[in-house]
N, C-alpha and C. Protein backbone atom coordinates (compact mmCIF):
# COMPACT_ATOMS: atom_id res chain seq x y z
N MET A 1 95.31 126.82 120.17
CA MET A 1 94.23 125.88 119.89
C MET A 1 94.49 125.21 118.55
N THR A 2 94.36 123.89 118.52
CA THR A 2 94.62 123.11 117.31
C THR A 2 93.31 122.83 116.59
N ALA A 3 93.34 122.97 115.28
CA ALA A 3 92.14 122.67 114.47
C ALA A 3 91.85 121.18 114.54
N PRO A 4 90.58 120.78 114.49
CA PRO A 4 90.24 119.35 114.58
C PRO A 4 90.76 118.52 113.41
N SER A 5 91.13 119.16 112.30
CA SER A 5 91.59 118.39 111.14
C SER A 5 93.09 118.14 111.16
N THR A 6 93.75 118.40 112.27
CA THR A 6 95.19 118.20 112.33
C THR A 6 95.54 117.12 113.34
N THR A 7 96.63 116.45 113.07
CA THR A 7 97.21 115.49 114.00
C THR A 7 98.70 115.70 113.97
N ALA A 8 99.44 114.79 114.55
CA ALA A 8 100.89 114.93 114.58
C ALA A 8 101.50 114.99 113.19
N GLY A 9 100.84 114.44 112.19
CA GLY A 9 101.37 114.41 110.83
C GLY A 9 101.03 115.64 110.00
N GLY A 10 100.27 116.57 110.53
CA GLY A 10 99.89 117.75 109.77
C GLY A 10 98.43 117.70 109.38
N PRO A 11 97.95 118.75 108.68
CA PRO A 11 96.55 118.77 108.26
C PRO A 11 96.21 117.59 107.34
N VAL A 12 94.99 117.13 107.46
CA VAL A 12 94.54 115.95 106.71
C VAL A 12 94.67 116.16 105.21
N LEU A 13 94.21 117.30 104.70
CA LEU A 13 94.26 117.53 103.26
C LEU A 13 95.71 117.55 102.76
N ARG A 14 96.59 118.11 103.54
CA ARG A 14 98.01 118.12 103.13
C ARG A 14 98.58 116.71 103.12
N ARG A 15 98.23 115.89 104.11
CA ARG A 15 98.73 114.52 104.16
C ARG A 15 98.17 113.68 103.01
N LEU A 16 96.93 113.98 102.60
CA LEU A 16 96.30 113.22 101.51
C LEU A 16 96.72 113.70 100.13
N SER A 17 97.43 114.81 100.04
CA SER A 17 97.76 115.37 98.73
C SER A 17 98.65 114.44 97.91
N ARG A 18 99.61 113.78 98.52
CA ARG A 18 100.49 112.89 97.76
C ARG A 18 99.77 111.64 97.25
N PRO A 19 99.02 110.94 98.09
CA PRO A 19 98.29 109.79 97.54
C PRO A 19 97.34 110.17 96.42
N PHE A 20 96.66 111.30 96.54
CA PHE A 20 95.72 111.69 95.50
C PHE A 20 96.42 112.24 94.26
N ALA A 21 97.61 112.83 94.43
CA ALA A 21 98.40 113.24 93.26
C ALA A 21 98.85 112.00 92.49
N ALA A 22 99.26 110.95 93.22
CA ALA A 22 99.65 109.70 92.56
C ALA A 22 98.45 109.06 91.86
N LEU A 23 97.29 109.13 92.48
CA LEU A 23 96.08 108.59 91.87
C LEU A 23 95.75 109.34 90.58
N ALA A 24 95.86 110.66 90.61
CA ALA A 24 95.61 111.46 89.40
C ALA A 24 96.64 111.14 88.32
N ALA A 25 97.89 110.94 88.72
CA ALA A 25 98.94 110.61 87.75
C ALA A 25 98.67 109.27 87.08
N ALA A 26 98.01 108.36 87.77
CA ALA A 26 97.65 107.07 87.17
C ALA A 26 96.33 107.17 86.41
N ALA A 27 95.42 108.01 86.88
CA ALA A 27 94.09 108.11 86.27
C ALA A 27 94.13 108.79 84.90
N LEU A 28 95.00 109.76 84.72
CA LEU A 28 95.05 110.49 83.45
C LEU A 28 95.46 109.59 82.28
N PRO A 29 96.57 108.85 82.37
CA PRO A 29 96.87 107.95 81.25
C PRO A 29 95.85 106.83 81.11
N THR A 30 95.27 106.39 82.22
CA THR A 30 94.24 105.36 82.14
C THR A 30 93.03 105.88 81.37
N ALA A 31 92.66 107.12 81.61
CA ALA A 31 91.53 107.72 80.87
C ALA A 31 91.85 107.81 79.39
N TYR A 32 93.09 108.14 79.06
CA TYR A 32 93.48 108.21 77.64
C TYR A 32 93.38 106.82 77.00
N ILE A 33 93.92 105.81 77.69
CA ILE A 33 93.88 104.44 77.16
C ILE A 33 92.44 103.95 77.05
N ALA A 34 91.59 104.36 77.98
CA ALA A 34 90.17 103.99 77.91
C ALA A 34 89.50 104.62 76.69
N ALA A 35 89.94 105.83 76.33
CA ALA A 35 89.32 106.54 75.21
C ALA A 35 89.89 106.13 73.86
N VAL A 36 91.19 105.81 73.81
CA VAL A 36 91.86 105.47 72.55
C VAL A 36 92.14 103.97 72.56
N ASP A 37 91.38 103.24 71.81
CA ASP A 37 91.41 101.77 71.81
C ASP A 37 92.74 101.22 71.29
N PRO A 38 93.50 100.50 72.14
CA PRO A 38 94.74 99.90 71.67
C PRO A 38 94.52 98.68 70.75
N ASN A 39 93.28 98.22 70.64
CA ASN A 39 92.98 97.12 69.73
C ASN A 39 92.93 97.59 68.27
N THR A 40 92.90 98.90 68.06
CA THR A 40 92.92 99.47 66.72
C THR A 40 94.36 99.80 66.36
N PRO A 41 94.92 99.17 65.34
CA PRO A 41 96.33 99.42 64.98
C PRO A 41 96.60 100.89 64.66
N GLY A 42 97.80 101.32 64.98
CA GLY A 42 98.25 102.65 64.62
C GLY A 42 98.19 103.69 65.72
N HIS A 43 97.58 103.38 66.85
CA HIS A 43 97.47 104.37 67.93
C HIS A 43 98.65 104.32 68.89
N TYR A 44 99.27 103.19 69.03
CA TYR A 44 100.36 103.01 69.99
C TYR A 44 101.54 102.34 69.28
N PRO A 45 102.76 102.58 69.77
CA PRO A 45 103.92 101.93 69.13
C PRO A 45 103.89 100.42 69.39
N LEU A 46 104.51 99.69 68.49
CA LEU A 46 104.61 98.24 68.65
C LEU A 46 105.68 97.91 69.68
N CYS A 47 105.54 96.76 70.31
CA CYS A 47 106.51 96.31 71.32
C CYS A 47 107.82 95.96 70.63
N PRO A 48 108.94 96.60 71.03
CA PRO A 48 110.21 96.29 70.38
C PRO A 48 110.68 94.85 70.65
N PHE A 49 110.36 94.31 71.83
CA PHE A 49 110.73 92.92 72.14
C PHE A 49 109.98 91.97 71.21
N ARG A 50 108.70 92.23 71.01
CA ARG A 50 107.89 91.37 70.13
C ARG A 50 108.37 91.49 68.69
N GLN A 51 108.72 92.70 68.26
CA GLN A 51 109.22 92.89 66.90
C GLN A 51 110.54 92.17 66.69
N ALA A 52 111.40 92.18 67.70
CA ALA A 52 112.73 91.58 67.57
C ALA A 52 112.70 90.07 67.69
N THR A 53 111.83 89.54 68.56
CA THR A 53 111.86 88.10 68.85
C THR A 53 110.65 87.34 68.35
N GLY A 54 109.53 88.04 68.16
CA GLY A 54 108.28 87.35 67.83
C GLY A 54 107.58 86.81 69.06
N TRP A 55 108.15 87.02 70.24
CA TRP A 55 107.57 86.55 71.49
C TRP A 55 106.82 87.68 72.18
N TRP A 56 105.79 87.29 72.95
CA TRP A 56 105.09 88.25 73.81
C TRP A 56 105.97 88.52 75.02
N CYS A 57 106.22 89.79 75.34
CA CYS A 57 106.98 90.13 76.55
C CYS A 57 106.00 90.18 77.73
N PRO A 58 106.49 90.34 78.96
CA PRO A 58 105.56 90.39 80.10
C PRO A 58 104.59 91.56 80.04
N GLY A 59 104.94 92.63 79.31
CA GLY A 59 104.06 93.79 79.22
C GLY A 59 103.13 93.77 78.04
N CYS A 60 103.37 92.87 77.07
CA CYS A 60 102.51 92.82 75.89
C CYS A 60 101.06 92.56 76.30
N GLY A 61 100.17 93.33 75.75
CA GLY A 61 98.75 93.22 76.09
C GLY A 61 98.37 94.10 77.27
N GLY A 62 99.35 94.80 77.86
CA GLY A 62 99.06 95.64 79.01
C GLY A 62 98.12 96.79 78.70
N LEU A 63 98.32 97.45 77.56
CA LEU A 63 97.43 98.55 77.18
C LEU A 63 96.02 98.02 76.91
N ARG A 64 95.94 96.89 76.22
CA ARG A 64 94.62 96.30 75.96
C ARG A 64 93.95 95.86 77.26
N CYS A 65 94.78 95.40 78.21
CA CYS A 65 94.27 95.02 79.53
C CYS A 65 93.67 96.24 80.24
N VAL A 66 94.40 97.35 80.25
CA VAL A 66 93.90 98.58 80.89
C VAL A 66 92.62 99.04 80.20
N HIS A 67 92.60 99.00 78.88
CA HIS A 67 91.41 99.41 78.13
C HIS A 67 90.21 98.54 78.50
N ALA A 68 90.43 97.24 78.54
CA ALA A 68 89.34 96.32 78.89
C ALA A 68 88.85 96.56 80.32
N LEU A 69 89.77 96.70 81.26
CA LEU A 69 89.37 96.92 82.65
C LEU A 69 88.64 98.26 82.80
N ALA A 70 89.08 99.27 82.08
CA ALA A 70 88.43 100.59 82.16
C ALA A 70 87.00 100.52 81.63
N HIS A 71 86.72 99.55 80.78
CA HIS A 71 85.36 99.38 80.23
C HIS A 71 84.60 98.27 80.96
N GLY A 72 85.13 97.81 82.10
CA GLY A 72 84.45 96.82 82.90
C GLY A 72 84.52 95.40 82.37
N GLU A 73 85.42 95.16 81.44
CA GLU A 73 85.56 93.83 80.83
C GLU A 73 86.69 93.09 81.54
N PHE A 74 86.39 92.57 82.72
CA PHE A 74 87.40 91.94 83.58
C PHE A 74 88.00 90.70 82.94
N THR A 75 87.18 89.86 82.34
CA THR A 75 87.67 88.64 81.71
C THR A 75 88.62 88.95 80.55
N ALA A 76 88.27 89.94 79.74
CA ALA A 76 89.15 90.34 78.64
C ALA A 76 90.46 90.90 79.18
N GLY A 77 90.40 91.66 80.26
CA GLY A 77 91.61 92.19 80.88
C GLY A 77 92.51 91.09 81.38
N LEU A 78 91.91 90.07 82.01
CA LEU A 78 92.70 88.91 82.47
C LEU A 78 93.35 88.19 81.30
N HIS A 79 92.63 88.06 80.21
CA HIS A 79 93.17 87.37 79.04
C HIS A 79 94.30 88.17 78.40
N ASP A 80 94.15 89.48 78.33
CA ASP A 80 95.17 90.30 77.68
C ASP A 80 96.48 90.32 78.45
N ASN A 81 96.43 90.41 79.77
CA ASN A 81 97.66 90.37 80.56
C ASN A 81 97.34 90.10 82.02
N LEU A 82 97.38 88.83 82.38
CA LEU A 82 97.08 88.38 83.74
C LEU A 82 98.04 89.02 84.75
N LEU A 83 99.30 89.10 84.40
CA LEU A 83 100.30 89.66 85.30
C LEU A 83 100.02 91.13 85.59
N ALA A 84 99.57 91.87 84.60
CA ALA A 84 99.23 93.28 84.80
C ALA A 84 98.05 93.42 85.77
N VAL A 85 97.06 92.56 85.65
CA VAL A 85 95.91 92.61 86.56
C VAL A 85 96.36 92.36 87.99
N VAL A 86 97.24 91.39 88.18
CA VAL A 86 97.78 91.11 89.52
C VAL A 86 98.53 92.34 90.03
N LEU A 87 99.34 92.95 89.18
CA LEU A 87 100.07 94.16 89.56
C LEU A 87 99.12 95.28 89.94
N PHE A 88 98.05 95.47 89.18
CA PHE A 88 97.09 96.53 89.48
C PHE A 88 96.42 96.30 90.83
N VAL A 89 96.11 95.05 91.15
CA VAL A 89 95.50 94.73 92.44
C VAL A 89 96.47 95.05 93.57
N VAL A 90 97.73 94.64 93.42
CA VAL A 90 98.74 94.91 94.45
C VAL A 90 98.92 96.41 94.62
N LEU A 91 99.03 97.14 93.51
CA LEU A 91 99.19 98.60 93.59
C LEU A 91 97.96 99.26 94.20
N GLY A 92 96.78 98.74 93.91
CA GLY A 92 95.55 99.28 94.51
C GLY A 92 95.52 99.09 96.01
N VAL A 93 95.91 97.91 96.48
CA VAL A 93 95.96 97.65 97.92
C VAL A 93 96.99 98.56 98.58
N LEU A 94 98.16 98.69 97.97
CA LEU A 94 99.18 99.58 98.53
C LEU A 94 98.70 101.03 98.56
N TRP A 95 97.98 101.46 97.51
CA TRP A 95 97.48 102.83 97.50
C TRP A 95 96.45 103.05 98.61
N VAL A 96 95.55 102.09 98.80
CA VAL A 96 94.54 102.22 99.86
C VAL A 96 95.23 102.29 101.23
N ARG A 97 96.24 101.45 101.44
CA ARG A 97 96.99 101.49 102.71
C ARG A 97 97.68 102.84 102.88
N TRP A 98 98.25 103.37 101.80
CA TRP A 98 98.92 104.66 101.84
C TRP A 98 97.93 105.78 102.15
N ALA A 99 96.78 105.78 101.48
CA ALA A 99 95.78 106.81 101.72
C ALA A 99 95.23 106.73 103.15
N PHE A 100 95.00 105.52 103.65
CA PHE A 100 94.53 105.35 105.02
C PHE A 100 95.57 105.84 106.02
N ALA A 101 96.83 105.52 105.77
CA ALA A 101 97.90 105.99 106.66
C ALA A 101 97.98 107.51 106.63
N ALA A 102 97.81 108.11 105.45
CA ALA A 102 97.83 109.57 105.35
C ALA A 102 96.64 110.17 106.07
N LEU A 103 95.49 109.53 105.97
CA LEU A 103 94.28 110.02 106.62
C LEU A 103 94.42 109.98 108.14
N THR A 104 95.00 108.91 108.65
CA THR A 104 95.11 108.73 110.10
C THR A 104 96.40 109.31 110.67
N GLY A 105 97.33 109.73 109.82
CA GLY A 105 98.59 110.27 110.30
C GLY A 105 99.62 109.22 110.64
N GLY A 106 99.37 107.98 110.26
CA GLY A 106 100.30 106.90 110.54
C GLY A 106 101.35 106.76 109.44
N PRO A 107 102.28 105.85 109.63
CA PRO A 107 103.31 105.64 108.61
C PRO A 107 102.73 104.91 107.39
N GLY A 108 103.20 105.27 106.23
CA GLY A 108 102.75 104.65 105.00
C GLY A 108 103.34 103.25 104.85
N PRO A 109 102.80 102.47 103.92
CA PRO A 109 103.32 101.11 103.72
C PRO A 109 104.72 101.15 103.12
N ARG A 110 105.52 100.20 103.51
CA ARG A 110 106.88 100.08 102.98
C ARG A 110 107.00 98.74 102.27
N VAL A 111 107.60 98.76 101.10
CA VAL A 111 107.84 97.54 100.34
C VAL A 111 109.35 97.37 100.26
N ALA A 112 109.86 96.39 100.95
CA ALA A 112 111.29 96.12 100.94
C ALA A 112 111.61 95.17 99.79
N MET A 113 112.44 95.62 98.87
CA MET A 113 112.82 94.79 97.72
C MET A 113 114.28 94.40 97.86
N GLY A 114 114.54 93.41 98.70
CA GLY A 114 115.89 92.90 98.86
C GLY A 114 116.27 92.01 97.70
N PRO A 115 117.49 91.50 97.71
CA PRO A 115 117.97 90.65 96.61
C PRO A 115 117.09 89.42 96.35
N ALA A 116 116.63 88.77 97.40
CA ALA A 116 115.82 87.56 97.22
C ALA A 116 114.50 87.89 96.52
N ARG A 117 113.87 88.98 96.90
CA ARG A 117 112.60 89.36 96.27
C ARG A 117 112.80 89.81 94.83
N LEU A 118 113.91 90.49 94.56
CA LEU A 118 114.19 90.90 93.18
C LEU A 118 114.43 89.69 92.28
N VAL A 119 115.15 88.70 92.80
CA VAL A 119 115.38 87.46 92.03
C VAL A 119 114.05 86.75 91.81
N ALA A 120 113.22 86.67 92.84
CA ALA A 120 111.91 86.01 92.70
C ALA A 120 111.05 86.74 91.67
N LEU A 121 111.06 88.07 91.71
CA LEU A 121 110.30 88.85 90.73
C LEU A 121 110.82 88.61 89.32
N GLY A 122 112.13 88.58 89.16
CA GLY A 122 112.72 88.29 87.86
C GLY A 122 112.33 86.92 87.35
N LEU A 123 112.33 85.92 88.24
CA LEU A 123 111.93 84.57 87.85
C LEU A 123 110.47 84.50 87.44
N VAL A 124 109.60 85.24 88.15
CA VAL A 124 108.18 85.28 87.79
C VAL A 124 108.02 85.89 86.39
N LEU A 125 108.74 86.99 86.12
CA LEU A 125 108.65 87.62 84.81
C LEU A 125 109.15 86.70 83.70
N VAL A 126 110.25 86.02 83.93
CA VAL A 126 110.78 85.10 82.93
C VAL A 126 109.82 83.92 82.72
N ALA A 127 109.32 83.35 83.82
CA ALA A 127 108.40 82.21 83.71
C ALA A 127 107.12 82.62 82.97
N PHE A 128 106.59 83.80 83.29
CA PHE A 128 105.38 84.28 82.62
C PHE A 128 105.64 84.49 81.14
N THR A 129 106.79 85.06 80.81
CA THR A 129 107.14 85.29 79.40
C THR A 129 107.25 83.99 78.64
N VAL A 130 107.95 83.03 79.20
CA VAL A 130 108.14 81.75 78.51
C VAL A 130 106.80 81.02 78.40
N LEU A 131 106.06 80.97 79.49
CA LEU A 131 104.80 80.21 79.48
C LEU A 131 103.80 80.78 78.49
N ARG A 132 103.70 82.11 78.40
CA ARG A 132 102.70 82.69 77.49
C ARG A 132 103.08 82.53 76.03
N ASN A 133 104.31 82.13 75.77
CA ASN A 133 104.76 81.92 74.39
C ASN A 133 104.82 80.44 74.00
N LEU A 134 104.45 79.56 74.89
CA LEU A 134 104.37 78.13 74.59
C LEU A 134 102.93 77.76 74.23
N PRO A 135 102.75 76.68 73.46
CA PRO A 135 101.39 76.26 73.13
C PRO A 135 100.52 76.00 74.36
N ALA A 136 101.12 75.50 75.44
CA ALA A 136 100.35 75.23 76.66
C ALA A 136 99.88 76.51 77.34
N GLY A 137 100.54 77.63 77.10
CA GLY A 137 100.18 78.89 77.74
C GLY A 137 99.54 79.89 76.81
N VAL A 138 99.00 79.41 75.70
CA VAL A 138 98.42 80.31 74.71
C VAL A 138 97.28 81.15 75.32
N HIS A 139 96.62 80.65 76.35
CA HIS A 139 95.54 81.42 76.99
C HIS A 139 96.08 82.62 77.77
N LEU A 140 97.40 82.69 78.01
CA LEU A 140 98.02 83.82 78.68
C LEU A 140 98.48 84.89 77.72
N ALA A 141 98.47 84.59 76.43
CA ALA A 141 98.93 85.54 75.41
C ALA A 141 97.76 86.39 74.92
N PRO A 142 98.01 87.68 74.71
CA PRO A 142 96.92 88.51 74.18
C PRO A 142 96.64 88.15 72.73
N SER A 143 95.48 88.53 72.27
CA SER A 143 95.13 88.30 70.87
C SER A 143 96.00 89.17 69.99
N ALA A 144 96.42 88.63 68.87
CA ALA A 144 97.25 89.41 67.93
C ALA A 144 96.39 90.50 67.31
N VAL A 145 96.99 91.68 67.16
CA VAL A 145 96.28 92.80 66.53
C VAL A 145 96.83 93.01 65.15
């Protein structure tokens, strides 16, 4: 006799363990960033790219973005790092699909990163970096701390 909580993929709690472990792995540093304000100098290391070039890198403002989003300040999060917010939304959708697949016993989502997609991703990162460092893209740059 099979327990009602099992399917071809195994028990539900066992199938959900990986998605929830990944969620916990993301939630713990997010909780730390929410508690320790990156807008206060001295808590986090400075960006080596910014120190070397004076330019905002694609990740600059990411910690401030996470801090703002954790405090419900969506507009501030968008201002600090628009690209990070887009990434968080994509990762959230993928996580929900993964958790649903684990719950139902289906296959998890697959993200194929072939050469064309890697080049496109690289171009987006370069374009975002250049644009946020030009006067026309100043609204994409985080506030200086």
